């Protein structure tokens, strides 16, 4: 029997690699003579870099960079085994995870550090950049990023605008004469499942800025600033990025990457699927396990279990989904390739307890599911 384990991470608990390990351990309590293949996955958010470098024998690169408040930090990104493709999670240098609740303020937070990671990758002769842009703390439209790469966003007096979403209101002109010329020979792909436009009620400011620390008044001002930014980009560069799907991702970083780096937007899962040749593994499997911390109706919008299930459906393969919790609307996944969903929670417990015991809960649930499967196949 060929079994494929292809999960996402359990946020704040287990990496995708660890999830693989504990599911495999549970399976092996029932089956010893079986072929188990583990492929840790990500949809472009947490664990995106680790998933790809693990699978391609790549490496992590450590570098000094600036966080959303321009404090020097130790950051990292990955380079694939081909030595030419860099994998960057912007959240690791420009993300909310780096700020306390009191520090969240999209008026001043910047994507400058993301630009620094891109520059370092260019210094290491990377010719392709894959940038995961979930979990940002910013609303600056990628202005900080482009500044770190040599672009100048100037006030009417010819000075660099202030950093953050608030600084965009000062923008009068864009000077790209000193933009790193290596970017012209570099393919840039945005890994993101968000399709929000830059502006409007579904745009960067109105949908995402509040969780980054903005109040209602600031949100309106941030929207005005991004609108002004988009107008200047259209005037100076000739690109209209205000309504393009995905430009609102990461506080408009999607817009900045598309406008200045000619980036292409792709779902994070699809990128990993291609790199890892996931279709071939699924085609050869008799049974597939996938997993995620929470599974609900939102899982169908590009999350890892949905992506795995869609490929498996093409080959008519059964998919078992293990979840830390099952939320509202999860049943819609039964029509989209997932055969069954199992919560790993085995008794009433608080979230902290579930997180602390996730490894054991995963292992035990995988064993129970596997025993049920074997009974159906008359193998136990």
Protein backbone atom coordinates (compact mmCIF):
# COMPACT_ATOMS: atom_id res chain seq x y z
CA UNK A 1 0.00 0.00 0.00
CA UNK A 2 1.24 3.48 -0.89
CA UNK A 3 0.25 6.23 1.55
CA UNK A 4 0.94 9.91 0.97
CA UNK A 5 1.02 12.40 3.85
CA UNK A 6 0.69 15.98 2.54
CA UNK A 7 -0.36 18.42 5.30
CA UNK A 8 0.01 22.09 6.15
CA UNK A 9 1.36 23.26 9.51
CA UNK A 10 -0.73 23.64 12.66
CA UNK A 11 -0.30 27.32 13.43
CA UNK A 12 1.46 28.09 16.74
CA UNK A 13 1.85 24.36 17.35
CA UNK A 14 3.52 22.09 14.76
CA UNK A 15 5.39 22.67 11.52
CA UNK A 16 4.18 20.81 8.43
CA UNK A 17 7.22 18.55 8.74
CA UNK A 18 6.29 17.68 12.33
CA UNK A 19 2.67 17.03 11.33
CA UNK A 20 3.98 14.53 8.78
CA UNK A 21 6.08 12.80 11.41
CA UNK A 22 3.24 12.28 13.89
CA UNK A 23 0.70 11.15 11.30
CA UNK A 24 3.25 8.64 10.01
CA UNK A 25 3.89 7.42 13.54
CA UNK A 26 0.18 6.77 14.04
CA UNK A 27 -0.12 4.91 10.73
CA UNK A 28 2.85 2.70 11.58
CA UNK A 29 1.10 1.48 14.71
CA UNK A 30 -1.25 -0.39 12.39
CA UNK A 31 0.86 -1.00 9.27
CA UNK A 32 4.55 -1.81 9.18
CA UNK A 33 4.92 -3.11 5.63
CA UNK A 34 3.73 -0.07 3.74
CA UNK A 35 5.30 2.67 1.65
CA UNK A 36 4.75 6.06 3.28
CA UNK A 37 5.77 9.28 1.53
CA UNK A 38 5.67 12.56 3.47
CA UNK A 39 5.54 15.93 1.73
CA UNK A 40 5.13 18.94 4.07
CA UNK A 41 3.15 21.67 2.32
CA UNK A 42 2.06 25.30 2.65
CA UNK A 43 -0.39 27.58 0.83
CA UNK A 44 2.02 30.54 0.82
CA UNK A 45 1.61 31.57 4.44
CA UNK A 46 3.36 30.26 7.52
CA UNK A 47 5.91 27.57 6.71
CA UNK A 48 6.06 28.38 3.01
CA UNK A 49 9.84 28.73 2.91
CA UNK A 50 10.56 25.68 5.06
CA UNK A 51 8.24 23.45 3.04
CA UNK A 52 9.98 24.20 -0.23
CA UNK A 53 13.59 24.10 0.94
CA UNK A 54 12.96 20.82 2.79
CA UNK A 55 11.63 19.24 -0.38
CA UNK A 56 14.31 20.58 -2.74
CA UNK A 57 17.40 20.19 -0.52
CA UNK A 58 17.72 23.95 -0.35
CA UNK A 59 19.11 26.05 2.47
CA UNK A 60 18.14 28.88 4.80
CA UNK A 61 20.01 32.16 4.45
CA UNK A 62 20.46 34.32 7.53
CA UNK A 63 20.65 38.08 7.02
CA UNK A 64 20.38 41.31 8.98
CA UNK A 65 17.36 43.36 7.93
CA UNK A 66 14.82 45.86 9.29
CA UNK A 67 11.46 44.96 10.81
CA UNK A 68 8.22 46.92 10.17
CA UNK A 69 9.36 49.64 12.59
CA UNK A 70 12.88 49.82 11.07
CA UNK A 71 14.56 47.98 13.94
CA UNK A 72 17.48 45.76 12.99
CA UNK A 73 16.62 42.06 13.30
CA UNK A 74 17.97 38.65 12.30
CA UNK A 75 15.88 37.58 9.32
CA UNK A 76 15.98 34.63 6.95
CA UNK A 77 14.84 33.40 3.56
CA UNK A 78 15.45 30.26 1.52
CA UNK A 79 17.31 29.30 -1.63
CA UNK A 80 16.18 26.16 -3.46
CA UNK A 81 18.46 23.33 -4.39
CA UNK A 82 18.82 24.81 -7.89
CA UNK A 83 20.83 27.67 -6.30
CA UNK A 84 18.96 30.19 -8.50
CA UNK A 85 15.52 30.45 -6.88
CA UNK A 86 14.93 32.41 -3.67
CA UNK A 87 11.90 31.86 -1.46
CA UNK A 88 10.91 34.80 0.74
CA UNK A 89 8.17 35.03 3.38
CA UNK A 90 7.55 38.73 3.82
CA UNK A 91 5.95 38.05 7.20
CA UNK A 92 9.35 37.01 8.56
CA UNK A 93 10.65 40.55 8.16
CA UNK A 94 7.60 42.79 7.61
CA UNK A 95 4.92 40.82 9.43
CA UNK A 96 2.53 41.25 12.33
CA UNK A 97 4.28 38.42 14.18
CA UNK A 98 7.18 40.82 14.84
CA UNK A 99 5.08 43.41 16.66
CA UNK A 100 3.33 43.56 20.00
CA UNK A 101 -0.32 44.64 20.03
CA UNK A 102 0.72 48.15 21.13
CA UNK A 103 3.21 48.46 18.26
CA UNK A 104 0.76 47.74 15.45
CA UNK A 105 0.38 50.89 13.36
CA UNK A 106 0.04 50.70 9.54
CA UNK A 107 0.52 54.46 9.33
CA UNK A 108 4.24 53.97 10.00
CA UNK A 109 5.05 50.29 9.40
CA UNK A 110 7.10 49.57 6.29
CA UNK A 111 8.01 46.81 3.83
CA UNK A 112 11.61 48.05 3.68
CA UNK A 113 12.91 44.80 5.17
CA UNK A 114 11.25 42.77 2.44
CA UNK A 115 13.20 44.79 -0.10
CA UNK A 116 16.40 44.05 1.81
CA UNK A 117 15.80 40.30 1.54
CA UNK A 118 15.17 40.64 -2.19
CA UNK A 119 18.42 42.59 -2.56
CA UNK A 120 20.36 39.94 -0.65
CA UNK A 121 18.93 37.22 -2.90
CA UNK A 122 20.10 39.19 -5.95
CA UNK A 123 23.54 39.42 -4.37
CA UNK A 124 23.58 35.62 -4.24
CA UNK A 125 22.88 35.43 -7.99
CA UNK A 126 19.25 34.35 -7.73
CA UNK A 127 17.40 34.72 -11.02
CA UNK A 128 13.94 33.83 -9.73
CA UNK A 129 12.13 35.15 -6.66
CA UNK A 130 9.05 33.56 -5.10
CA UNK A 131 7.59 35.87 -2.47
CA UNK A 132 4.90 34.77 -0.02
CA UNK A 133 3.00 37.83 1.10
CA UNK A 134 0.65 36.73 3.87
CA UNK A 135 0.62 38.11 7.41
CA UNK A 136 1.89 41.63 6.77
CA UNK A 137 1.96 44.43 9.34
CA UNK A 138 2.00 47.06 6.61
CA UNK A 139 -0.21 49.21 4.38
CA UNK A 140 2.45 51.05 2.36
CA UNK A 141 1.80 49.55 -1.07
CA UNK A 142 5.33 48.18 -1.19
CA UNK A 143 6.83 51.66 -1.03
CA UNK A 144 9.40 50.63 1.58
CA UNK A 145 10.35 47.58 -0.46
CA UNK A 146 11.05 49.59 -3.60
CA UNK A 147 13.06 52.13 -1.60
CA UNK A 148 15.32 49.34 -0.29
CA UNK A 149 15.92 48.29 -3.91
CA UNK A 150 17.06 51.74 -4.99
CA UNK A 151 13.79 53.38 -6.01
CA UNK A 152 13.04 56.91 -4.86
CA UNK A 153 9.55 57.99 -3.86
CA UNK A 154 9.84 61.73 -3.52
CA UNK A 155 7.93 64.66 -2.04
CA UNK A 156 7.39 67.90 -4.03
CA UNK A 157 10.67 69.12 -2.46
CA UNK A 158 12.60 66.11 -3.75
CA UNK A 159 12.95 64.40 -0.36
CA UNK A 160 12.18 60.75 0.33
CA UNK A 161 8.63 60.35 1.66
CA UNK A 162 8.11 59.10 5.21
CA UNK A 163 7.88 55.35 5.66
CA UNK A 164 4.56 53.60 6.13
CA UNK A 165 1.06 54.04 4.78
CA UNK A 166 0.98 57.58 6.11
CA UNK A 167 3.93 58.67 4.01
CA UNK A 168 2.16 57.96 0.72
CA UNK A 169 0.20 61.19 1.01
CA UNK A 170 3.49 63.07 0.50
CA UNK A 171 4.28 61.34 -2.80
CA UNK A 172 4.77 63.62 -5.81
CA UNK A 173 7.08 61.69 -8.12
CA UNK A 174 8.76 58.31 -8.54
CA UNK A 175 12.41 58.04 -9.62
CA UNK A 176 13.51 54.54 -10.67
CA UNK A 177 16.82 55.56 -12.23
CA UNK A 178 18.78 53.88 -9.41
CA UNK A 179 16.52 50.82 -9.11
CA UNK A 180 18.64 47.66 -8.94
CA UNK A 181 19.13 46.76 -12.61
CA UNK A 182 19.41 43.04 -11.81
CA UNK A 183 15.65 43.02 -11.29
CA UNK A 184 15.11 43.36 -15.04
CA UNK A 185 16.62 39.89 -15.51
CA UNK A 186 14.80 38.30 -12.56
CA UNK A 187 11.45 36.52 -12.64
CA UNK A 188 9.27 37.48 -9.68
CA UNK A 189 6.30 35.39 -8.57
CA UNK A 190 3.92 36.40 -5.78
CA UNK A 191 2.65 33.46 -3.73
CA UNK A 192 -0.74 34.53 -2.43
CA UNK A 193 -4.33 33.32 -2.35
CA UNK A 194 -5.80 36.76 -1.65
CA UNK A 195 -7.55 38.27 -4.67
CA UNK A 196 -8.50 41.61 -3.10
CA UNK A 197 -7.86 44.70 -5.22
CA UNK A 198 -5.77 47.57 -3.94
CA UNK A 199 -8.69 49.98 -3.46
CA UNK A 200 -12.35 50.01 -2.47
CA UNK A 201 -14.50 48.23 0.09
CA UNK A 202 -12.72 44.94 -0.65
CA UNK A 203 -9.29 46.56 -0.85
CA UNK A 204 -6.19 46.55 1.32
CA UNK A 205 -7.22 49.26 3.77
CA UNK A 206 -10.88 48.48 4.41
CA UNK A 207 -10.42 44.71 4.69
CA UNK A 208 -7.05 44.28 6.38
CA UNK A 209 -5.86 47.50 8.04
CA UNK A 210 -7.90 47.17 11.22
CA UNK A 211 -6.15 43.96 12.24
CA UNK A 212 -2.87 45.82 11.74
CA UNK A 213 -3.78 48.47 14.28
CA UNK A 214 -5.82 51.04 12.32
CA UNK A 215 -9.01 52.64 13.59
CA UNK A 216 -11.89 53.75 11.36
CA UNK A 217 -10.47 57.23 10.79
CA UNK A 218 -7.03 55.91 9.89
CA UNK A 219 -8.53 53.35 7.51
CA UNK A 220 -10.17 56.12 5.48
CA UNK A 221 -6.90 58.04 5.32
CA UNK A 222 -4.94 54.94 4.33
CA UNK A 223 -7.43 54.32 1.53
CA UNK A 224 -6.99 57.90 0.30
CA UNK A 225 -3.21 57.52 0.43
CA UNK A 226 -3.21 54.27 -1.55
CA UNK A 227 -5.52 55.87 -4.11
CA UNK A 228 -3.07 58.77 -4.46
CA UNK A 229 -0.20 56.27 -4.73
CA UNK A 230 -2.00 54.36 -7.49
CA UNK A 231 -2.62 57.58 -9.41
CA UNK A 232 1.06 58.55 -9.26
CA UNK A 233 2.08 55.06 -10.40
CA UNK A 234 -0.26 55.34 -13.37
CA UNK A 235 1.04 58.80 -14.27
CA UNK A 236 4.73 57.99 -13.83
CA UNK A 237 4.94 54.33 -14.87
CA UNK A 238 1.82 53.91 -16.99
CA UNK A 239 0.37 50.99 -14.99
CA UNK A 240 -3.15 50.95 -13.54
CA UNK A 241 -2.98 48.66 -10.52
CA UNK A 242 -5.97 49.91 -8.54
CA UNK A 243 -8.42 47.12 -9.44
CA UNK A 244 -6.13 44.22 -10.33
CA UNK A 245 -6.95 41.10 -8.24
CA UNK A 246 -4.23 40.49 -5.65
CA UNK A 247 -2.86 44.03 -5.58
CA UNK A 248 -4.47 44.54 -2.17
CA UNK A 249 -2.56 41.64 -0.63
CA UNK A 250 -0.19 42.47 2.23
CA UNK A 251 -1.30 46.08 2.50
CA UNK A 252 -0.75 46.71 -1.19
CA UNK A 253 2.61 44.97 -1.43
CA UNK A 254 1.04 42.97 -4.25
CA UNK A 255 0.51 46.26 -6.10
CA UNK A 256 4.10 47.36 -5.55
CA UNK A 257 5.52 44.05 -6.75
CA UNK A 258 3.35 44.08 -9.86
CA UNK A 259 3.99 47.73 -10.67
CA UNK A 260 7.73 47.92 -10.06
CA UNK A 261 9.00 44.32 -10.44
CA UNK A 262 6.52 43.05 -13.08
CA UNK A 263 5.57 40.27 -10.70
CA UNK A 264 3.07 37.53 -11.50
CA UNK A 265 0.49 36.46 -8.90
CA UNK A 266 -0.02 32.72 -8.34
CA UNK A 267 -1.81 30.75 -5.60
CA UNK A 268 0.78 29.59 -3.09
CA UNK A 269 -0.39 26.00 -3.23
CA UNK A 270 -0.04 25.90 -7.02
CA UNK A 271 3.57 27.06 -6.77
CA UNK A 272 4.47 24.30 -4.32
CA UNK A 273 2.46 21.78 -6.34
CA UNK A 274 4.56 22.51 -9.42
CA UNK A 275 7.92 22.60 -7.63
CA UNK A 276 7.31 19.32 -5.80
CA UNK A 277 5.61 17.50 -8.68
CA UNK A 278 2.79 16.75 -6.25
CA UNK A 279 0.46 15.36 -8.94
CA UNK A 280 2.80 12.42 -9.51
CA UNK A 281 2.91 11.50 -5.81
CA UNK A 282 -0.88 11.69 -5.54
CA UNK A 283 -1.34 9.61 -8.68
CA UNK A 284 0.75 6.81 -7.15
CA UNK A 285 -0.93 6.87 -3.71
CA UNK A 286 -3.63 4.47 -2.54
CA UNK A 287 -4.59 6.71 0.38
CA UNK A 288 -3.81 10.34 1.14
CA UNK A 289 -3.67 12.13 4.49
CA UNK A 290 -3.75 15.91 4.61
CA UNK A 291 -4.17 18.20 7.63
CA UNK A 292 -4.51 21.76 8.90
CA UNK A 293 -5.04 23.46 12.24
CA UNK A 294 -8.59 24.58 11.44
CA UNK A 295 -10.81 23.31 8.66
CA UNK A 296 -14.00 25.19 7.76
CA UNK A 297 -15.79 26.73 4.77
CA UNK A 298 -12.78 29.00 4.11
CA UNK A 299 -10.58 25.96 3.44
CA UNK A 300 -12.09 25.74 -0.05
CA UNK A 301 -10.56 29.11 -0.98
CA UNK A 302 -7.06 27.86 -1.77
CA UNK A 303 -5.98 26.28 1.51
CA UNK A 304 -3.65 23.28 1.46
CA UNK A 305 -6.22 20.49 2.19
CA UNK A 306 -8.43 21.82 -0.60
CA UNK A 307 -5.52 21.94 -3.03
CA UNK A 308 -4.53 18.37 -2.21
CA UNK A 309 -8.14 17.21 -2.53
CA UNK A 310 -8.59 18.86 -5.93
CA UNK A 311 -5.59 17.03 -7.35
CA UNK A 312 -6.67 13.75 -5.72
CA UNK A 313 -10.16 14.10 -7.18
CA UNK A 314 -8.64 14.17 -10.64
CA UNK A 315 -7.11 10.75 -10.01
CA UNK A 316 -10.07 9.40 -7.97
CA UNK A 317 -7.97 8.98 -4.81
CA UNK A 318 -9.41 8.96 -1.23
CA UNK A 319 -8.33 11.87 1.00
CA UNK A 320 -8.52 11.93 4.80
CA UNK A 321 -8.24 15.37 6.39
CA UNK A 322 -7.14 15.68 10.03
CA UNK A 323 -7.94 18.97 11.76
CA UNK A 324 -7.15 20.64 15.06
CA UNK A 325 -10.72 21.91 14.91
CA UNK A 326 -13.63 21.64 12.48
CA UNK A 327 -15.48 24.89 11.90
CA UNK A 328 -18.67 26.05 10.25
CA UNK A 329 -19.26 24.93 6.69
CA UNK A 330 -16.50 22.31 6.56
CA UNK A 331 -18.95 19.87 4.98
CA UNK A 332 -18.71 21.69 1.64
CA UNK A 333 -15.33 19.98 1.23
CA UNK A 334 -17.00 16.59 0.83
CA UNK A 335 -18.05 17.60 -2.67
CA UNK A 336 -14.59 18.91 -3.50
CA UNK A 337 -12.39 15.85 -3.13
CA UNK A 338 -12.08 15.25 0.62
CA UNK A 339 -13.48 11.85 1.62
CA UNK A 340 -13.74 12.51 5.35
CA UNK A 341 -12.65 15.01 8.02
CA UNK A 342 -11.57 14.02 11.53
CA UNK A 343 -10.95 16.33 14.46
CA UNK A 344 -7.94 15.30 16.53
CA UNK A 345 -9.59 16.56 19.75
CA UNK A 346 -10.59 13.55 21.83
CA UNK A 347 -12.23 15.27 24.79
CA UNK A 348 -13.30 18.78 25.92
CA UNK A 349 -10.16 20.88 26.26
CA UNK A 350 -8.92 24.45 26.10
CA UNK A 351 -7.00 25.69 23.06
CA UNK A 352 -3.73 25.88 25.00
CA UNK A 353 -4.09 22.23 26.03
CA UNK A 354 -4.86 21.19 22.45
CA UNK A 355 -1.80 23.04 21.15
CA UNK A 356 0.44 21.55 23.83
CA UNK A 357 -0.73 18.00 23.04
CA UNK A 358 -1.14 18.32 19.27
CA UNK A 359 1.59 15.78 18.49
CA UNK A 360 0.02 13.01 20.56
CA UNK A 361 -3.50 13.88 19.38
CA UNK A 362 -2.42 13.70 15.74
CA UNK A 363 -0.69 10.37 16.23
CA UNK A 364 -3.67 8.83 18.01
CA UNK A 365 -6.16 10.10 15.44
CA UNK A 366 -4.07 8.85 12.52
CA UNK A 367 -3.99 5.41 14.15
CA UNK A 368 -7.77 5.33 14.69
CA UNK A 369 -8.48 6.45 11.13
CA UNK A 370 -6.07 3.92 9.71
CA UNK A 371 -7.65 1.08 11.70
CA UNK A 372 -11.07 2.07 10.36
CA UNK A 373 -9.72 2.12 6.81
CA UNK A 374 -8.15 -1.31 7.21
CA UNK A 375 -11.38 -2.80 8.56
CA UNK A 376 -13.14 -1.55 5.42
CA UNK A 377 -10.47 -3.24 3.30
CA UNK A 378 -10.68 -6.44 5.35
CA UNK A 379 -7.02 -6.05 6.29
CA UNK A 380 -7.46 -6.04 10.04
